PDB file of N, CA and C in Angstrom:
ATOM      1  N   UNK A   1       0.842  -1.187   0.000  1.00  0.00           N
ATOM      2  CA  UNK A   1       0.000   0.000   0.000  1.00  0.00           C
ATOM      3  C   UNK A   1       0.881   1.243   0.000  1.00  0.00           C
ATOM      4  N   UNK A   2       0.435   2.283  -0.640  1.00  0.00           N
ATOM      5  CA  UNK A   2       1.172   3.545  -0.646  1.00  0.00           C
ATOM      6  C   UNK A   2       0.442   4.559   0.236  1.00  0.00           C
ATOM      7  N   UNK A   3       1.235   5.440   0.811  1.00  0.00           N
ATOM      8  CA  UNK A   3       0.693   6.459   1.710  1.00  0.00           C
ATOM      9  C   UNK A   3       1.126   7.830   1.228  1.00  0.00           C
ATOM     10  N   UNK A   4       0.297   8.810   1.468  1.00  0.00           N
ATOM     11  CA  UNK A   4       0.604  10.194   1.118  1.00  0.00           C
ATOM     12  C   UNK A   4       1.425  10.784   2.262  1.00  0.00           C
ATOM     13  N   UNK A   5       2.736  10.794   2.089  1.00  0.00           N
ATOM     14  CA  UNK A   5       3.640  11.238   3.148  1.00  0.00           C
ATOM     15  C   UNK A   5       4.065  12.673   2.874  1.00  0.00           C
ATOM     16  N   UNK A   6       3.955  13.502   3.884  1.00  0.00           N
ATOM     17  CA  UNK A   6       4.288  14.923   3.754  1.00  0.00           C
ATOM     18  C   UNK A   6       5.454  15.266   4.672  1.00  0.00           C
ATOM     19  N   UNK A   7       6.233  16.246   4.241  1.00  0.00           N
ATOM     20  CA  UNK A   7       7.306  16.784   5.079  1.00  0.00           C
ATOM     21  C   UNK A   7       6.732  18.011   5.779  1.00  0.00           C
ATOM     22  N   UNK A   8       6.431  17.875   7.038  1.00  0.00           N
ATOM     23  CA  UNK A   8       5.876  18.971   7.833  1.00  0.00           C
ATOM     24  C   UNK A   8       7.052  19.700   8.488  1.00  0.00           C
ATOM     25  N   UNK A   9       7.618  20.651   7.767  1.00  0.00           N
ATOM     26  CA  UNK A   9       8.810  21.349   8.256  1.00  0.00           C
ATOM     27  C   UNK A   9       8.536  22.165   9.509  1.00  0.00           C
ATOM     28  N   UNK A  10       7.331  22.689   9.666  1.00  0.00           N
ATOM     29  CA  UNK A  10       7.034  23.510  10.845  1.00  0.00           C
ATOM     30  C   UNK A  10       7.052  22.687  12.129  1.00  0.00           C
ATOM     31  N   UNK A  11       6.809  21.373  12.026  1.00  0.00           N
ATOM     32  CA  UNK A  11       6.850  20.507  13.204  1.00  0.00           C
ATOM     33  C   UNK A  11       8.040  19.545  13.178  1.00  0.00           C
ATOM     34  N   UNK A  12       8.941  19.730  12.216  1.00  0.00           N
ATOM     35  CA  UNK A  12      10.137  18.889  12.093  1.00  0.00           C
ATOM     36  C   UNK A  12       9.790  17.404  12.074  1.00  0.00           C
ATOM     37  N   UNK A  13       8.934  17.034  11.137  1.00  0.00           N
ATOM     38  CA  UNK A  13       8.608  15.623  11.025  1.00  0.00           C
ATOM     39  C   UNK A  13       8.062  15.284   9.642  1.00  0.00           C
ATOM     40  N   UNK A  14       8.185  14.011   9.312  1.00  0.00           N
ATOM     41  CA  UNK A  14       7.551  13.443   8.132  1.00  0.00           C
ATOM     42  C   UNK A  14       6.324  12.721   8.646  1.00  0.00           C
ATOM     43  N   UNK A  15       5.194  12.880   7.942  1.00  0.00           N
ATOM     44  CA  UNK A  15       3.954  12.345   8.497  1.00  0.00           C
ATOM     45  C   UNK A  15       2.978  11.907   7.428  1.00  0.00           C
ATOM     46  N   UNK A  16       2.047  11.090   7.862  1.00  0.00           N
ATOM     47  CA  UNK A  16       0.922  10.711   7.026  1.00  0.00           C
ATOM     48  C   UNK A  16      -0.285  10.524   7.927  1.00  0.00           C
ATOM     49  N   UNK A  17      -1.447  10.782   7.383  1.00  0.00           N
ATOM     50  CA  UNK A  17      -2.689  10.589   8.130  1.00  0.00           C
ATOM     51  C   UNK A  17      -3.486   9.486   7.447  1.00  0.00           C
ATOM     52  N   UNK A  18      -3.871   8.496   8.235  1.00  0.00           N
ATOM     53  CA  UNK A  18      -4.645   7.360   7.749  1.00  0.00           C
ATOM     54  C   UNK A  18      -5.818   7.162   8.708  1.00  0.00           C
ATOM     55  N   UNK A  19      -6.997   7.058   8.158  1.00  0.00           N
ATOM     56  CA  UNK A  19      -8.200   6.863   8.973  1.00  0.00           C
ATOM     57  C   UNK A  19      -8.305   7.913  10.078  1.00  0.00           C
ATOM     58  N   UNK A  20      -7.903   9.147   9.788  1.00  0.00           N
ATOM     59  CA  UNK A  20      -7.999  10.245  10.739  1.00  0.00           C
ATOM     60  C   UNK A  20      -6.925  10.265  11.811  1.00  0.00           C
ATOM     61  N   UNK A  21      -5.982   9.342  11.752  1.00  0.00           N
ATOM     62  CA  UNK A  21      -4.888   9.257  12.740  1.00  0.00           C
ATOM     63  C   UNK A  21      -3.574   9.590  12.042  1.00  0.00           C
ATOM     64  N   UNK A  22      -2.682  10.298  12.743  1.00  0.00           N
ATOM     65  CA  UNK A  22      -1.407  10.710  12.158  1.00  0.00           C
ATOM     66  C   UNK A  22      -0.256   9.891  12.715  1.00  0.00           C
ATOM     67  N   UNK A  23       0.554   9.373  11.797  1.00  0.00           N
ATOM     68  CA  UNK A  23       1.792   8.668  12.133  1.00  0.00           C
ATOM     69  C   UNK A  23       2.931   9.559  11.655  1.00  0.00           C
ATOM     70  N   UNK A  24       4.080   9.517  12.366  1.00  0.00           N
ATOM     71  CA  UNK A  24       5.153  10.435  11.992  1.00  0.00           C
ATOM     72  C   UNK A  24       6.529   9.929  12.417  1.00  0.00           C
ATOM     73  N   UNK A  25       7.529  10.524  11.809  1.00  0.00           N
ATOM     74  CA  UNK A  25       8.916  10.363  12.234  1.00  0.00           C
ATOM     75  C   UNK A  25       9.466  11.766  12.436  1.00  0.00           C
ATOM     76  N   UNK A  26       9.851  12.073  13.678  1.00  0.00           N
ATOM     77  CA  UNK A  26      10.330  13.410  14.042  1.00  0.00           C
ATOM     78  C   UNK A  26      11.845  13.487  13.896  1.00  0.00           C
ATOM     79  N   UNK A  27      12.319  14.701  13.667  1.00  0.00           N
ATOM     80  CA  UNK A  27      13.755  14.899  13.474  1.00  0.00           C
ATOM     81  C   UNK A  27      14.191  16.269  13.955  1.00  0.00           C
ATOM     82  N   UNK A  28      15.498  16.413  14.095  1.00  0.00           N
ATOM     83  CA  UNK A  28      16.141  17.711  14.294  1.00  0.00           C
ATOM     84  C   UNK A  28      17.115  17.881  13.148  1.00  0.00           C
ATOM     85  N   UNK A  29      17.259  19.094  12.678  1.00  0.00           N
ATOM     86  CA  UNK A  29      18.169  19.362  11.562  1.00  0.00           C
ATOM     87  C   UNK A  29      19.229  20.340  12.026  1.00  0.00           C
ATOM     88  N   UNK A  30      20.486  20.013  11.726  1.00  0.00           N
ATOM     89  CA  UNK A  30      21.612  20.883  12.053  1.00  0.00           C
ATOM     90  C   UNK A  30      22.527  20.895  10.836  1.00  0.00           C
ATOM     91  N   UNK A  31      22.465  21.971  10.066  1.00  0.00           N
ATOM     92  CA  UNK A  31      23.272  22.065   8.853  1.00  0.00           C
ATOM     93  C   UNK A  31      22.930  20.961   7.880  1.00  0.00           C
ATOM     94  N   UNK A  32      23.935  20.155   7.533  1.00  0.00           N
ATOM     95  CA  UNK A  32      23.746  19.072   6.578  1.00  0.00           C
ATOM     96  C   UNK A  32      23.505  17.724   7.240  1.00  0.00           C
ATOM     97  N   UNK A  33      23.053  17.752   8.490  1.00  0.00           N
ATOM     98  CA  UNK A  33      22.766  16.519   9.223  1.00  0.00           C
ATOM     99  C   UNK A  33      21.329  16.540   9.727  1.00  0.00           C
ATOM    100  N   UNK A  34      20.643  15.424   9.529  1.00  0.00           N
ATOM    101  CA  UNK A  34      19.287  15.259  10.048  1.00  0.00           C
ATOM    102  C   UNK A  34      19.331  14.115  11.059  1.00  0.00           C
ATOM    103  N   UNK A  35      18.847  14.390  12.271  1.00  0.00           N
ATOM    104  CA  UNK A  35      18.833  13.401  13.342  1.00  0.00           C
ATOM    105  C   UNK A  35      17.390  12.983  13.592  1.00  0.00           C
ATOM    106  N   UNK A  36      17.084  11.729  13.310  1.00  0.00           N
ATOM    107  CA  UNK A  36      15.743  11.212  13.564  1.00  0.00           C
ATOM    108  C   UNK A  36      15.652  10.827  15.032  1.00  0.00           C
ATOM    109  N   UNK A  37      14.665  11.397  15.731  1.00  0.00           N
ATOM    110  CA  UNK A  37      14.572  11.254  17.179  1.00  0.00           C
ATOM    111  C   UNK A  37      13.444  10.337  17.653  1.00  0.00           C
ATOM    112  N   UNK A  38      12.391  10.207  16.858  1.00  0.00           N
ATOM    113  CA  UNK A  38      11.235   9.434  17.328  1.00  0.00           C
ATOM    114  C   UNK A  38      10.321   9.112  16.153  1.00  0.00           C
ATOM    115  N   UNK A  39       9.852   7.884  16.102  1.00  0.00           N
ATOM    116  CA  UNK A  39       8.856   7.481  15.109  1.00  0.00           C
ATOM    117  C   UNK A  39       7.665   6.913  15.871  1.00  0.00           C
ATOM    118  N   UNK A  40       6.476   7.371  15.485  1.00  0.00           N
ATOM    119  CA  UNK A  40       5.276   6.961  16.212  1.00  0.00           C
ATOM    120  C   UNK A  40       4.143   6.638  15.253  1.00  0.00           C
ATOM    121  N   UNK A  41       3.506   5.503  15.508  1.00  0.00           N
ATOM    122  CA  UNK A  41       2.322   5.088  14.753  1.00  0.00           C
ATOM    123  C   UNK A  41       1.234   4.781  15.776  1.00  0.00           C
ATOM    124  N   UNK A  42       0.062   5.396  15.644  1.00  0.00           N
ATOM    125  CA  UNK A  42      -1.016   5.087  16.581  1.00  0.00           C
ATOM    126  C   UNK A  42      -1.323   3.581  16.577  1.00  0.00           C
ATOM    127  N   UNK A  43      -1.663   3.024  17.732  1.00  0.00           N
ATOM    128  CA  UNK A  43      -1.924   1.580  17.829  1.00  0.00           C
ATOM    129  C   UNK A  43      -2.927   1.067  16.791  1.00  0.00           C
ATOM    130  N   UNK A  44      -3.905   1.884  16.467  1.00  0.00           N
ATOM    131  CA  UNK A  44      -4.936   1.467  15.503  1.00  0.00           C
ATOM    132  C   UNK A  44      -4.359   1.252  14.097  1.00  0.00           C
ATOM    133  N   UNK A  45      -3.199   1.838  13.833  1.00  0.00           N
ATOM    134  CA  UNK A  45      -2.599   1.766  12.493  1.00  0.00           C
ATOM    135  C   UNK A  45      -1.422   0.805  12.403  1.00  0.00           C
ATOM    136  N   UNK A  46      -1.026   0.237  13.520  1.00  0.00           N
ATOM    137  CA  UNK A  46       0.143  -0.636  13.527  1.00  0.00           C
ATOM    138  C   UNK A  46      -0.050  -1.850  12.623  1.00  0.00           C
ATOM    139  N   UNK A  47       1.056  -2.349  12.093  1.00  0.00           N
ATOM    140  CA  UNK A  47       1.034  -3.548  11.276  1.00  0.00           C
ATOM    141  C   UNK A  47       0.707  -3.321   9.813  1.00  0.00           C
ATOM    142  N   UNK A  48       0.644  -2.081   9.383  1.00  0.00           N
ATOM    143  CA  UNK A  48       0.313  -1.770   7.991  1.00  0.00           C
ATOM    144  C   UNK A  48       1.524  -1.297   7.187  1.00  0.00           C
ATOM    145  N   UNK A  49       2.697  -1.273   7.809  1.00  0.00           N
ATOM    146  CA  UNK A  49       3.897  -0.825   7.104  1.00  0.00           C
ATOM    147  C   UNK A  49       4.023   0.683   7.003  1.00  0.00           C
ATOM    148  N   UNK A  50       3.261   1.390   7.815  1.00  0.00           N
ATOM    149  CA  UNK A  50       3.250   2.848   7.734  1.00  0.00           C
ATOM    150  C   UNK A  50       4.571   3.448   8.200  1.00  0.00           C
ATOM    151  N   UNK A  51       5.103   2.988   9.321  1.00  0.00           N
ATOM    152  CA  UNK A  51       6.373   3.527   9.820  1.00  0.00           C
ATOM    153  C   UNK A  51       7.478   3.318   8.790  1.00  0.00           C
ATOM    154  N   UNK A  52       7.532   2.136   8.203  1.00  0.00           N
ATOM    155  CA  UNK A  52       8.538   1.854   7.183  1.00  0.00           C
ATOM    156  C   UNK A  52       8.409   2.766   5.983  1.00  0.00           C
ATOM    157  N   UNK A  53       7.177   3.026   5.557  1.00  0.00           N
ATOM    158  CA  UNK A  53       6.952   3.902   4.411  1.00  0.00           C
ATOM    159  C   UNK A  53       7.410   5.331   4.717  1.00  0.00           C
ATOM    160  N   UNK A  54       7.114   5.797   5.928  1.00  0.00           N
ATOM    161  CA  UNK A  54       7.523   7.148   6.323  1.00  0.00           C
ATOM    162  C   UNK A  54       9.045   7.252   6.366  1.00  0.00           C
ATOM    163  N   UNK A  55       9.687   6.283   7.003  1.00  0.00           N
ATOM    164  CA  UNK A  55      11.143   6.329   7.142  1.00  0.00           C
ATOM    165  C   UNK A  55      11.817   6.204   5.778  1.00  0.00           C
ATOM    166  N   UNK A  56      11.321   5.337   4.928  1.00  0.00           N
ATOM    167  CA  UNK A  56      11.881   5.224   3.574  1.00  0.00           C
ATOM    168  C   UNK A  56      11.794   6.558   2.850  1.00  0.00           C
ATOM    169  N   UNK A  57      10.646   7.190   2.907  1.00  0.00           N
ATOM    170  CA  UNK A  57      10.447   8.494   2.265  1.00  0.00           C
ATOM    171  C   UNK A  57      11.437   9.519   2.824  1.00  0.00           C
ATOM    172  N   UNK A  58      11.562   9.553   4.141  1.00  0.00           N
ATOM    173  CA  UNK A  58      12.457  10.521   4.782  1.00  0.00           C
ATOM    174  C   UNK A  58      13.917  10.265   4.399  1.00  0.00           C
ATOM    175  N   UNK A  59      14.325   9.011   4.370  1.00  0.00           N
ATOM    176  CA  UNK A  59      15.702   8.692   4.001  1.00  0.00           C
ATOM    177  C   UNK A  59      15.970   8.985   2.525  1.00  0.00           C
ATOM    178  N   UNK A  60      14.995   8.724   1.684  1.00  0.00           N
ATOM    179  CA  UNK A  60      15.149   9.061   0.265  1.00  0.00           C
ATOM    180  C   UNK A  60      15.303  10.568   0.084  1.00  0.00           C
ATOM    181  N   UNK A  61      14.545  11.338   0.849  1.00  0.00           N
ATOM    182  CA  UNK A  61      14.657  12.794   0.770  1.00  0.00           C
ATOM    183  C   UNK A  61      16.004  13.268   1.322  1.00  0.00           C
ATOM    184  N   UNK A  62      16.468  12.643   2.399  1.00  0.00           N
ATOM    185  CA  UNK A  62      17.788  12.987   2.949  1.00  0.00           C
ATOM    186  C   UNK A  62      18.865  12.747   1.891  1.00  0.00           C
ATOM    187  N   UNK A  63      18.773  11.618   1.193  1.00  0.00           N
ATOM    188  CA  UNK A  63      19.740  11.326   0.131  1.00  0.00           C
ATOM    189  C   UNK A  63      19.671  12.384  -0.974  1.00  0.00           C
ATOM    190  N   UNK A  64      18.466  12.711  -1.392  1.00  0.00           N
ATOM    191  CA  UNK A  64      18.284  13.686  -2.467  1.00  0.00           C
ATOM    192  C   UNK A  64      18.846  15.053  -2.093  1.00  0.00           C
ATOM    193  N   UNK A  65      18.786  15.381  -0.797  1.00  0.00           N
ATOM    194  CA  UNK A  65      19.293  16.679  -0.322  1.00  0.00           C
ATOM    195  C   UNK A  65      20.739  16.595   0.159  1.00  0.00           C
ATOM    196  N   UNK A  66      21.348  15.413  -0.009  1.00  0.00           N
ATOM    197  CA  UNK A  66      22.746  15.205   0.370  1.00  0.00           C
ATOM    198  C   UNK A  66      22.975  15.437   1.867  1.00  0.00           C
ATOM    199  N   UNK A  67      22.052  14.926   2.690  1.00  0.00           N
ATOM    200  CA  UNK A  67      22.149  15.079   4.141  1.00  0.00           C
ATOM    201  C   UNK A  67      22.708  13.813   4.773  1.00  0.00           C
ATOM    202  N   UNK A  68      23.506  13.996   5.812  1.00  0.00           N
ATOM    203  CA  UNK A  68      23.918  12.879   6.638  1.00  0.00           C
ATOM    204  C   UNK A  68      22.814  12.582   7.631  1.00  0.00           C
ATOM    205  N   UNK A  69      22.707  11.328   8.048  1.00  0.00           N
ATOM    206  CA  UNK A  69      21.631  10.892   8.930  1.00  0.00           C
ATOM    207  C   UNK A  69      22.205  10.354  10.238  1.00  0.00           C
ATOM    208  N   UNK A  70      21.601  10.785  11.344  1.00  0.00           N
ATOM    209  CA  UNK A  70      21.869  10.200  12.647  1.00  0.00           C
ATOM    210  C   UNK A  70      20.584   9.499  13.067  1.00  0.00           C
ATOM    211  N   UNK A  71      20.683   8.201  13.316  1.00  0.00           N
ATOM    212  CA  UNK A  71      19.505   7.400  13.659  1.00  0.00           C
ATOM    213  C   UNK A  71      19.395   7.270  15.176  1.00  0.00           C
ATOM    214  N   UNK A  72      19.013   8.361  15.843  1.00  0.00           N
ATOM    215  CA  UNK A  72      18.820   8.340  17.293  1.00  0.00           C
ATOM    216  C   UNK A  72      17.527   7.617  17.658  1.00  0.00           C
ATOM    217  N   UNK A  73      16.621   7.503  16.725  1.00  0.00           N
ATOM    218  CA  UNK A  73      15.365   6.771  16.901  1.00  0.00           C
ATOM    219  C   UNK A  73      15.627   5.287  16.676  1.00  0.00           C
ATOM    220  N   UNK A  74      15.188   4.456  17.611  1.00  0.00           N
ATOM    221  CA  UNK A  74      15.415   3.009  17.510  1.00  0.00           C
ATOM    222  C   UNK A  74      14.790   2.423  16.244  1.00  0.00           C
ATOM    223  N   UNK A  75      13.621   2.921  15.852  1.00  0.00           N
ATOM    224  CA  UNK A  75      12.982   2.384  14.650  1.00  0.00           C
ATOM    225  C   UNK A  75      13.803   2.713  13.405  1.00  0.00           C
ATOM    226  N   UNK A  76      14.264   3.948  13.293  1.00  0.00           N
ATOM    227  CA  UNK A  76      15.070   4.341  12.132  1.00  0.00           C
ATOM    228  C   UNK A  76      16.367   3.534  12.100  1.00  0.00           C
ATOM    229  N   UNK A  77      16.993   3.347  13.252  1.00  0.00           N
ATOM    230  CA  UNK A  77      18.225   2.555  13.314  1.00  0.00           C
ATOM    231  C   UNK A  77      17.971   1.123  12.846  1.00  0.00           C
ATOM    232  N   UNK A  78      16.887   0.514  13.289  1.00  0.00           N
ATOM    233  CA  UNK A  78      16.551  -0.849  12.874  1.00  0.00           C
ATOM    234  C   UNK A  78      16.246  -0.896  11.379  1.00  0.00           C
ATOM    235  N   UNK A  79      15.559   0.117  10.874  1.00  0.00           N
ATOM    236  CA  UNK A  79      15.220   0.166   9.450  1.00  0.00           C
ATOM    237  C   UNK A  79      16.499   0.195   8.610  1.00  0.00           C
ATOM    238  N   UNK A  80      17.445   1.020   9.008  1.00  0.00           N
ATOM    239  CA  UNK A  80      18.699   1.134   8.249  1.00  0.00           C
ATOM    240  C   UNK A  80      19.487  -0.174   8.334  1.00  0.00           C
ATOM    241  N   UNK A  81      19.472  -0.835   9.477  1.00  0.00           N
ATOM    242  CA  UNK A  81      20.156  -2.129   9.589  1.00  0.00           C
ATOM    243  C   UNK A  81      19.576  -3.143   8.612  1.00  0.00           C
ATOM    244  N   UNK A  82      18.266  -3.100   8.398  1.00  0.00           N
ATOM    245  CA  UNK A  82      17.599  -4.047   7.508  1.00  0.00           C
ATOM    246  C   UNK A  82      17.678  -3.642   6.037  1.00  0.00           C
ATOM    247  N   UNK A  83      17.965  -2.387   5.764  1.00  0.00           N
ATOM    248  CA  UNK A  83      17.998  -1.865   4.396  1.00  0.00           C
ATOM    249  C   UNK A  83      19.374  -1.257   4.132  1.00  0.00           C
ATOM    250  N   UNK A  84      20.299  -2.111   3.747  1.00  0.00           N
ATOM    251  CA  UNK A  84      21.703  -1.721   3.583  1.00  0.00           C
ATOM    252  C   UNK A  84      21.913  -0.544   2.641  1.00  0.00           C
ATOM    253  N   UNK A  85      20.998  -0.331   1.710  1.00  0.00           N
ATOM    254  CA  UNK A  85      21.152   0.748   0.745  1.00  0.00           C
ATOM    255  C   UNK A  85      21.155   2.134   1.393  1.00  0.00           C
ATOM    256  N   UNK A  86      20.778   2.216   2.676  1.00  0.00           N
ATOM    257  CA  UNK A  86      20.765   3.510   3.377  1.00  0.00           C
ATOM    258  C   UNK A  86      21.941   3.689   4.336  1.00  0.00           C
ATOM    259  N   UNK A  87      22.744   2.670   4.518  1.00  0.00           N
ATOM    260  CA  UNK A  87      23.837   2.744   5.499  1.00  0.00           C
ATOM    261  C   UNK A  87      24.847   3.836   5.180  1.00  0.00           C
ATOM    262  N   UNK A  88      25.035   4.128   3.910  1.00  0.00           N
ATOM    263  CA  UNK A  88      26.006   5.169   3.551  1.00  0.00           C
ATOM    264  C   UNK A  88      25.578   6.559   4.020  1.00  0.00           C
ATOM    265  N   UNK A  89      24.320   6.725   4.383  1.00  0.00           N
ATOM    266  CA  UNK A  89      23.830   8.013   4.860  1.00  0.00           C
ATOM    267  C   UNK A  89      24.199   8.280   6.311  1.00  0.00           C
ATOM    268  N   UNK A  90      24.500   7.215   7.058  1.00  0.00           N
ATOM    269  CA  UNK A  90      24.697   7.350   8.505  1.00  0.00           C
ATOM    270  C   UNK A  90      25.931   8.151   8.870  1.00  0.00           C
ATOM    271  N   UNK A  91      25.749   8.983   9.882  1.00  0.00           N
ATOM    272  CA  UNK A  91      26.828   9.783  10.479  1.00  0.00           C
ATOM    273  C   UNK A  91      26.772   9.558  11.979  1.00  0.00           C
ATOM    274  N   UNK A  92      27.895   9.589  12.603  1.00  0.00           N
ATOM    275  CA  UNK A  92      27.935   9.519  14.065  1.00  0.00           C
ATOM    276  C   UNK A  92      27.527   8.253  14.645  1.00  0.00           C
TER     277      UNK A  92
END
């Protein structure tokens, strides 16, 4: 399934709304580094691959913008471990 994922710069997060509930991956940005701090999916939406879709979108955008990534969020760190194509983005 595909999700309409938006970059909500005012709240420093990538997000999507499904069935009226919002799932997101939050970050902090410092120069050319983006640090993912927390990924959250409401319990009602779990198991649909939403977190993975959000993180993939965010990492693809980081690559496109030539940003280094710090995976301070456990979910983002696990995602990168499982998807070797993103390991080159990691910093720190």
